Amino acid sequence: MKLYDIHHIPRKVTGLHGNFGCVTFDEFDQLTSVHVNSMDELFLASGYSRNVALYDINSGKRLQVFTDMHRGHINVVKFANHSPSIFATSSFDHDVKMWDLRQKPIHPCFTVSSSRGNVMVCFSPDDQYILASAVDNEVVIFTQ
């Protein structure tokens, strides 16, 4: 994974091989989703596994890998819009879970299930609701 600072990329680049304003992060196998927290300090990565990795944007280091957060692979991981330590995960295991980094995410703060495997999750603009969509066009709004 690479993060580029668009303010340090020359206006005219002949190829995508340059590393202008680029930070390279440790690999996350079969990546499907990344999301940055509201303070622009951390980001999460998920993929075709039951794990989520936490990265520090400034240092470029992977801080932690949270394992077995779901029974199936995690399609999407999203931070809350206003709380930099709160995030949600959605999985084909039918569950949507909310986690808090301050509590060492071993157990979710909140769990709800859909009738089908979940493909997306996000927070409402005020973080009061979680929107999840599942296979076969099932869309549900959950309150915390």
Protein backbone atom coordinates (compact mmCIF):
# COMPACT_ATOMS: atom_id res chain seq x y z
CA MET A 1 0.00 0.00 0.00
CA LYS A 2 1.17 3.49 -0.79
CA LEU A 3 -0.06 6.89 0.33
CA TYR A 4 0.69 9.84 -1.94
CA ASP A 5 0.76 13.51 -0.98
CA ILE A 6 -0.64 15.24 -4.07
CA HIS A 7 1.12 18.47 -3.08
CA HIS A 8 4.51 16.78 -3.64
CA ILE A 9 3.79 15.17 -7.00
CA PRO A 10 5.15 17.12 -9.99
CA ARG A 11 2.47 18.47 -12.33
CA LYS A 12 3.86 16.47 -15.21
CA VAL A 13 4.73 12.87 -14.42
CA THR A 14 5.69 10.62 -17.33
CA GLY A 15 4.91 7.39 -15.52
CA LEU A 16 3.43 6.10 -12.29
CA HIS A 17 6.79 4.72 -11.14
CA GLY A 18 7.96 7.80 -9.23
CA ASN A 19 7.75 7.93 -5.44
CA PHE A 20 7.22 11.68 -5.09
CA GLY A 21 5.60 12.44 -1.74
CA CYS A 22 4.93 8.75 -1.19
CA VAL A 23 4.85 6.62 1.98
CA THR A 24 4.87 2.84 1.60
CA PHE A 25 3.04 0.78 4.22
CA ASP A 26 3.36 -2.88 5.18
CA GLU A 27 1.36 -5.13 2.89
CA PHE A 28 -2.16 -6.25 3.70
CA ASP A 29 -3.00 -9.40 1.78
CA GLN A 30 -6.06 -9.33 -0.52
CA LEU A 31 -7.02 -5.76 0.41
CA THR A 32 -10.66 -4.74 -0.09
CA SER A 33 -11.07 -1.62 2.07
CA VAL A 34 -9.13 1.21 3.72
CA HIS A 35 -10.45 4.13 5.76
CA VAL A 36 -8.81 7.07 7.59
CA ASN A 37 -9.97 8.29 11.00
CA SER A 38 -11.37 11.77 11.63
CA MET A 39 -8.00 13.07 12.91
CA ASP A 40 -6.11 11.92 9.76
CA GLU A 41 -3.68 10.02 12.04
CA LEU A 42 -4.65 6.38 11.56
CA PHE A 43 -6.13 4.17 8.92
CA LEU A 44 -7.61 0.70 8.91
CA ALA A 45 -7.34 -1.98 6.23
CA SER A 46 -9.48 -5.05 5.67
CA GLY A 47 -9.64 -7.72 2.99
CA TYR A 48 -10.39 -11.33 2.22
CA SER A 49 -9.59 -12.36 5.79
CA ARG A 50 -11.12 -12.09 9.25
CA ASN A 51 -8.47 -9.56 10.29
CA VAL A 52 -8.16 -5.76 10.35
CA ALA A 53 -4.84 -3.91 10.39
CA LEU A 54 -4.27 -0.51 12.02
CA TYR A 55 -1.65 1.82 10.50
CA ASP A 56 -0.08 5.09 11.63
CA ILE A 57 -0.17 7.56 8.73
CA ASN A 58 2.70 9.75 9.97
CA SER A 59 5.23 7.00 10.67
CA GLY A 60 4.11 4.59 7.95
CA LYS A 61 4.09 1.74 10.48
CA ARG A 62 1.52 -0.98 10.99
CA LEU A 63 0.60 -0.63 14.66
CA GLN A 64 -1.50 -3.73 15.17
CA VAL A 65 -3.43 -6.52 13.48
CA PHE A 66 -6.75 -7.42 15.08
CA THR A 67 -7.43 -11.07 14.33
CA ASP A 68 -10.63 -13.09 13.97
CA MET A 69 -12.96 -10.09 14.24
CA HIS A 70 -15.61 -11.98 12.23
CA ARG A 71 -16.41 -15.55 11.19
CA GLY A 72 -16.10 -14.59 7.50
CA HIS A 73 -13.95 -12.16 5.55
CA ILE A 74 -14.41 -8.46 6.25
CA ASN A 75 -15.61 -6.57 3.18
CA VAL A 76 -15.53 -3.04 4.51
CA VAL A 77 -14.09 -1.21 7.50
CA LYS A 78 -15.11 2.40 8.27
CA PHE A 79 -14.17 4.87 10.99
CA ALA A 80 -16.87 7.03 12.52
CA ASN A 81 -17.04 10.59 11.21
CA HIS A 82 -16.43 12.31 14.56
CA SER A 83 -14.93 9.75 16.94
CA PRO A 84 -11.36 8.91 15.87
CA SER A 85 -11.29 5.61 17.81
CA ILE A 86 -14.68 4.15 16.76
CA PHE A 87 -14.99 1.97 13.66
CA ALA A 88 -17.39 -0.51 12.10
CA THR A 89 -16.84 -3.70 10.11
CA SER A 90 -19.13 -5.63 7.78
CA SER A 91 -18.75 -9.24 6.78
CA PHE A 92 -20.29 -12.01 4.69
CA ASP A 93 -20.86 -13.78 8.03
CA HIS A 94 -24.06 -11.62 8.23
CA ASP A 95 -22.70 -9.44 11.07
CA VAL A 96 -22.01 -5.73 11.33
CA LYS A 97 -19.88 -4.83 14.35
CA MET A 98 -18.76 -1.60 15.97
CA TRP A 99 -15.40 -1.43 17.76
CA ASP A 100 -13.51 1.04 19.96
CA LEU A 101 -9.71 1.25 19.71
CA ARG A 102 -9.57 2.55 23.30
CA GLN A 103 -10.90 -0.83 24.48
CA LYS A 104 -8.34 -2.97 22.62
CA PRO A 105 -10.82 -4.38 20.09
CA ILE A 106 -11.22 -7.89 21.46
CA HIS A 107 -15.00 -7.67 21.84
CA PRO A 108 -17.26 -5.43 19.75
CA CYS A 109 -19.21 -2.59 21.40
CA PHE A 110 -22.21 -3.34 19.22
CA THR A 111 -23.22 -6.23 16.94
CA VAL A 112 -26.20 -6.63 14.63
CA SER A 113 -26.97 -9.24 12.01
CA SER A 114 -28.49 -9.13 8.55
CA SER A 115 -30.32 -11.94 6.83
CA ARG A 116 -27.59 -12.04 4.14
CA GLY A 117 -23.86 -11.43 3.91
CA ASN A 118 -22.95 -7.76 4.31
CA VAL A 119 -21.07 -5.95 1.57
CA MET A 120 -20.94 -2.39 2.97
CA VAL A 121 -21.15 -0.38 6.18
CA CYS A 122 -20.93 3.35 6.94
CA PHE A 123 -21.89 5.83 9.64
CA SER A 124 -24.52 8.55 9.24
CA PRO A 125 -23.04 12.08 9.11
CA ASP A 126 -23.76 12.57 12.85
CA ASP A 127 -22.60 9.00 13.78
CA GLN A 128 -26.00 8.21 15.35
CA TYR A 129 -26.78 5.45 12.85
CA ILE A 130 -24.97 2.72 10.96
CA LEU A 131 -26.08 1.94 7.43
CA ALA A 132 -25.35 -1.55 6.11
CA SER A 133 -26.13 -3.18 2.83
CA ALA A 134 -26.19 -6.89 2.17
CA VAL A 135 -26.39 -9.25 -0.76
CA ASP A 136 -29.70 -9.10 -2.69
CA ASN A 137 -30.18 -5.35 -2.08
CA GLU A 138 -30.97 -5.56 1.64
CA VAL A 139 -30.29 -2.12 3.16
CA VAL A 140 -30.73 -1.57 6.91
CA ILE A 141 -30.18 1.39 9.24
CA PHE A 142 -29.15 0.46 12.78
CA THR A 143 -29.17 2.66 15.86
CA GLN A 144 -26.45 2.21 18.42
